[in-house]
Amino acid sequence: MNPQKIFEELDNCILALSKGNIEQKQLGLKKAKAERDYRIKYNQKMIELKLEKCQATLITSLAKSNPEVAELAMERDIAESAYYTCISATENLRLEAEILRTKVAWLRTELRNS
């Protein structure tokens, strides 16, 4: 195990974490916007169906099956998935950095004992 290589990998993890935080913020904003757009269109469609005197039991199903509403729901779900995938990637990078720090501590102990 080369200590220099471990420090380089640790620096790469730290850089990736910084980039990941920026990406996570962007994905969070995209997720929130997709949720907002979906809710607005869904509620508009529900009001439209109520004004058309549609059966109350069908309004929710008809509103969700509208092509525009369904497309926005899909975009919302994709944005949510991307956001949570980014969170998982960030957690994985944190674990990797912790492993590298543990390796450095172990090497330091080995050098002292040598």
C-alpha atoms as a PDB file:
ATOM      1  CA  MET A   1       0.000   0.000   0.000  1.00  0.00           C
ATOM      2  CA  ASN A   2       1.475   3.259  -1.148  1.00  0.00           C
ATOM      3  CA  PRO A   3       0.557   6.151   1.198  1.00  0.00           C
ATOM      4  CA  GLN A   4       0.845   8.666  -1.631  1.00  0.00           C
ATOM      5  CA  LYS A   5      -1.697   6.727  -3.680  1.00  0.00           C
ATOM      6  CA  ILE A   6      -4.068   6.580  -0.709  1.00  0.00           C
ATOM      7  CA  PHE A   7      -3.814  10.361  -0.243  1.00  0.00           C
ATOM      8  CA  GLU A   8      -4.490  10.892  -3.961  1.00  0.00           C
ATOM      9  CA  GLU A   9      -7.561   8.662  -3.743  1.00  0.00           C
ATOM     10  CA  LEU A  10      -8.688  10.556  -0.649  1.00  0.00           C
ATOM     11  CA  ASP A  11      -8.288  13.868  -2.487  1.00  0.00           C
ATOM     12  CA  ASN A  12     -10.319  12.446  -5.380  1.00  0.00           C
ATOM     13  CA  CYS A  13     -13.068  11.400  -2.955  1.00  0.00           C
ATOM     14  CA  ILE A  14     -13.172  14.855  -1.407  1.00  0.00           C
ATOM     15  CA  LEU A  15     -13.381  16.474  -4.844  1.00  0.00           C
ATOM     16  CA  ALA A  16     -16.115  14.056  -5.908  1.00  0.00           C
ATOM     17  CA  LEU A  17     -18.037  14.813  -2.705  1.00  0.00           C
ATOM     18  CA  SER A  18     -17.892  18.533  -3.446  1.00  0.00           C
ATOM     19  CA  LYS A  19     -19.172  17.976  -6.976  1.00  0.00           C
ATOM     20  CA  GLY A  20     -21.786  15.569  -5.644  1.00  0.00           C
ATOM     21  CA  ASN A  21     -23.108  18.177  -3.226  1.00  0.00           C
ATOM     22  CA  ILE A  22     -23.563  20.643  -6.072  1.00  0.00           C
ATOM     23  CA  GLU A  23     -25.259  17.992  -8.199  1.00  0.00           C
ATOM     24  CA  GLN A  24     -27.468  16.954  -5.285  1.00  0.00           C
ATOM     25  CA  LYS A  25     -28.670  20.535  -4.864  1.00  0.00           C
ATOM     26  CA  GLN A  26     -29.456  20.797  -8.582  1.00  0.00           C
ATOM     27  CA  LEU A  27     -31.284  17.470  -8.551  1.00  0.00           C
ATOM     28  CA  GLY A  28     -33.210  18.535  -5.453  1.00  0.00           C
ATOM     29  CA  LEU A  29     -34.370  21.686  -7.218  1.00  0.00           C
ATOM     30  CA  LYS A  30     -35.296  19.674 -10.311  1.00  0.00           C
ATOM     31  CA  LYS A  31     -37.224  17.205  -8.124  1.00  0.00           C
ATOM     32  CA  ALA A  32     -39.139  20.002  -6.408  1.00  0.00           C
ATOM     33  CA  LYS A  33     -39.957  21.675  -9.733  1.00  0.00           C
ATOM     34  CA  ALA A  34     -41.179  18.397 -11.221  1.00  0.00           C
ATOM     35  CA  GLU A  35     -43.378  17.793  -8.166  1.00  0.00           C
ATOM     36  CA  ARG A  36     -44.795  21.324  -8.407  1.00  0.00           C
ATOM     37  CA  ASP A  37     -45.531  21.010 -12.134  1.00  0.00           C
ATOM     38  CA  TYR A  38     -47.228  17.649 -11.619  1.00  0.00           C
ATOM     39  CA  ARG A  39     -49.404  18.870  -8.752  1.00  0.00           C
ATOM     40  CA  ILE A  40     -50.478  21.981 -10.645  1.00  0.00           C
ATOM     41  CA  LYS A  41     -51.474  20.041 -13.767  1.00  0.00           C
ATOM     42  CA  TYR A  42     -53.128  17.259 -11.748  1.00  0.00           C
ATOM     43  CA  ASN A  43     -55.224  19.719  -9.734  1.00  0.00           C
ATOM     44  CA  GLN A  44     -56.144  21.679 -12.877  1.00  0.00           C
ATOM     45  CA  LYS A  45     -57.338  18.474 -14.502  1.00  0.00           C
ATOM     46  CA  MET A  46     -59.338  17.512 -11.399  1.00  0.00           C
ATOM     47  CA  ILE A  47     -61.070  20.913 -11.352  1.00  0.00           C
ATOM     48  CA  GLU A  48     -61.739  20.633 -15.079  1.00  0.00           C
ATOM     49  CA  LEU A  49     -63.347  17.213 -14.591  1.00  0.00           C
ATOM     50  CA  LYS A  50     -65.435  18.486 -11.652  1.00  0.00           C
ATOM     51  CA  LEU A  51     -66.697  21.367 -13.778  1.00  0.00           C
ATOM     52  CA  GLU A  52     -67.658  18.850 -16.477  1.00  0.00           C
ATOM     53  CA  LYS A  53     -69.827  17.117 -13.838  1.00  0.00           C
ATOM     54  CA  CYS A  54     -67.823  13.909 -14.031  1.00  0.00           C
ATOM     55  CA  GLN A  55     -68.591  11.208 -11.468  1.00  0.00           C
ATOM     56  CA  ALA A  56     -66.735  11.904  -8.235  1.00  0.00           C
ATOM     57  CA  THR A  57     -65.429   8.342  -8.053  1.00  0.00           C
ATOM     58  CA  LEU A  58     -63.807   8.637 -11.490  1.00  0.00           C
ATOM     59  CA  ILE A  59     -62.226  12.074 -11.198  1.00  0.00           C
ATOM     60  CA  THR A  60     -58.975  10.922  -9.568  1.00  0.00           C
ATOM     61  CA  SER A  61     -58.453   8.065 -12.033  1.00  0.00           C
ATOM     62  CA  LEU A  62     -59.283  10.203 -15.045  1.00  0.00           C
ATOM     63  CA  ALA A  63     -57.035  13.028 -13.880  1.00  0.00           C
ATOM     64  CA  LYS A  64     -54.081  10.682 -13.349  1.00  0.00           C
ATOM     65  CA  SER A  65     -54.612   8.931 -16.685  1.00  0.00           C
ATOM     66  CA  ASN A  66     -54.544  12.184 -18.644  1.00  0.00           C
ATOM     67  CA  PRO A  67     -51.483  12.022 -20.963  1.00  0.00           C
ATOM     68  CA  GLU A  68     -50.058  15.356 -19.806  1.00  0.00           C
ATOM     69  CA  VAL A  69     -50.530  14.514 -16.134  1.00  0.00           C
ATOM     70  CA  ALA A  70     -49.070  11.032 -16.635  1.00  0.00           C
ATOM     71  CA  GLU A  71     -46.031  12.498 -18.401  1.00  0.00           C
ATOM     72  CA  LEU A  72     -45.466  14.954 -15.558  1.00  0.00           C
ATOM     73  CA  ALA A  73     -45.853  12.135 -13.025  1.00  0.00           C
ATOM     74  CA  MET A  74     -43.198  10.147 -14.876  1.00  0.00           C
ATOM     75  CA  GLU A  75     -40.846  13.147 -14.954  1.00  0.00           C
ATOM     76  CA  ARG A  76     -41.455  13.638 -11.223  1.00  0.00           C
ATOM     77  CA  ASP A  77     -40.644   9.996 -10.504  1.00  0.00           C
ATOM     78  CA  ILE A  78     -37.479  10.133 -12.630  1.00  0.00           C
ATOM     79  CA  ALA A  79     -36.332  13.315 -10.877  1.00  0.00           C
ATOM     80  CA  GLU A  80     -36.988  11.725  -7.492  1.00  0.00           C
ATOM     81  CA  SER A  81     -35.055   8.607  -8.463  1.00  0.00           C
ATOM     82  CA  ALA A  82     -32.096  10.668  -9.704  1.00  0.00           C
ATOM     83  CA  TYR A  83     -32.096  12.675  -6.475  1.00  0.00           C
ATOM     84  CA  TYR A  84     -32.036   9.618  -4.228  1.00  0.00           C
ATOM     85  CA  THR A  85     -29.430   7.928  -6.435  1.00  0.00           C
ATOM     86  CA  CYS A  86     -27.220  10.978  -5.954  1.00  0.00           C
ATOM     87  CA  ILE A  87     -27.697  10.749  -2.189  1.00  0.00           C
ATOM     88  CA  SER A  88     -26.624   7.086  -2.290  1.00  0.00           C
ATOM     89  CA  ALA A  89     -23.579   7.951  -4.386  1.00  0.00           C
ATOM     90  CA  THR A  90     -22.621  10.636  -1.873  1.00  0.00           C
ATOM     91  CA  GLU A  91     -22.946   8.179   0.993  1.00  0.00           C
ATOM     92  CA  ASN A  92     -20.786   5.676  -0.897  1.00  0.00           C
ATOM     93  CA  LEU A  93     -18.110   8.329  -1.398  1.00  0.00           C
ATOM     94  CA  ARG A  94     -18.192   9.169   2.302  1.00  0.00           C
ATOM     95  CA  LEU A  95     -17.699   5.504   3.143  1.00  0.00           C
ATOM     96  CA  GLU A  96     -14.830   5.263   0.672  1.00  0.00           C
ATOM     97  CA  ALA A  97     -13.182   8.324   2.225  1.00  0.00           C
ATOM     98  CA  GLU A  98     -13.605   6.818   5.690  1.00  0.00           C
ATOM     99  CA  ILE A  99     -11.994   3.572   4.525  1.00  0.00           C
ATOM    100  CA  LEU A 100      -9.065   5.507   3.086  1.00  0.00           C
ATOM    101  CA  ARG A 101      -8.639   7.446   6.334  1.00  0.00           C
ATOM    102  CA  THR A 102      -8.638   4.164   8.227  1.00  0.00           C
ATOM    103  CA  LYS A 103      -5.936   2.830   5.907  1.00  0.00           C
ATOM    104  CA  VAL A 104      -3.833   5.938   6.520  1.00  0.00           C
ATOM    105  CA  ALA A 105      -4.228   5.532  10.288  1.00  0.00           C
ATOM    106  CA  TRP A 106      -3.266   1.869  10.012  1.00  0.00           C
ATOM    107  CA  LEU A 107      -0.185   2.725   7.941  1.00  0.00           C
ATOM    108  CA  ARG A 108       0.808   5.387  10.465  1.00  0.00           C
ATOM    109  CA  THR A 109       0.563   2.823  13.258  1.00  0.00           C
ATOM    110  CA  GLU A 110       2.579   0.311  11.243  1.00  0.00           C
ATOM    111  CA  LEU A 111       5.310   2.875  10.612  1.00  0.00           C
ATOM    112  CA  ARG A 112       5.509   3.747  14.312  1.00  0.00           C
ATOM    113  CA  ASN A 113       5.802   0.079  15.234  1.00  0.00           C
ATOM    114  CA  SER A 114       8.512  -0.574  12.655  1.00  0.00           C
END
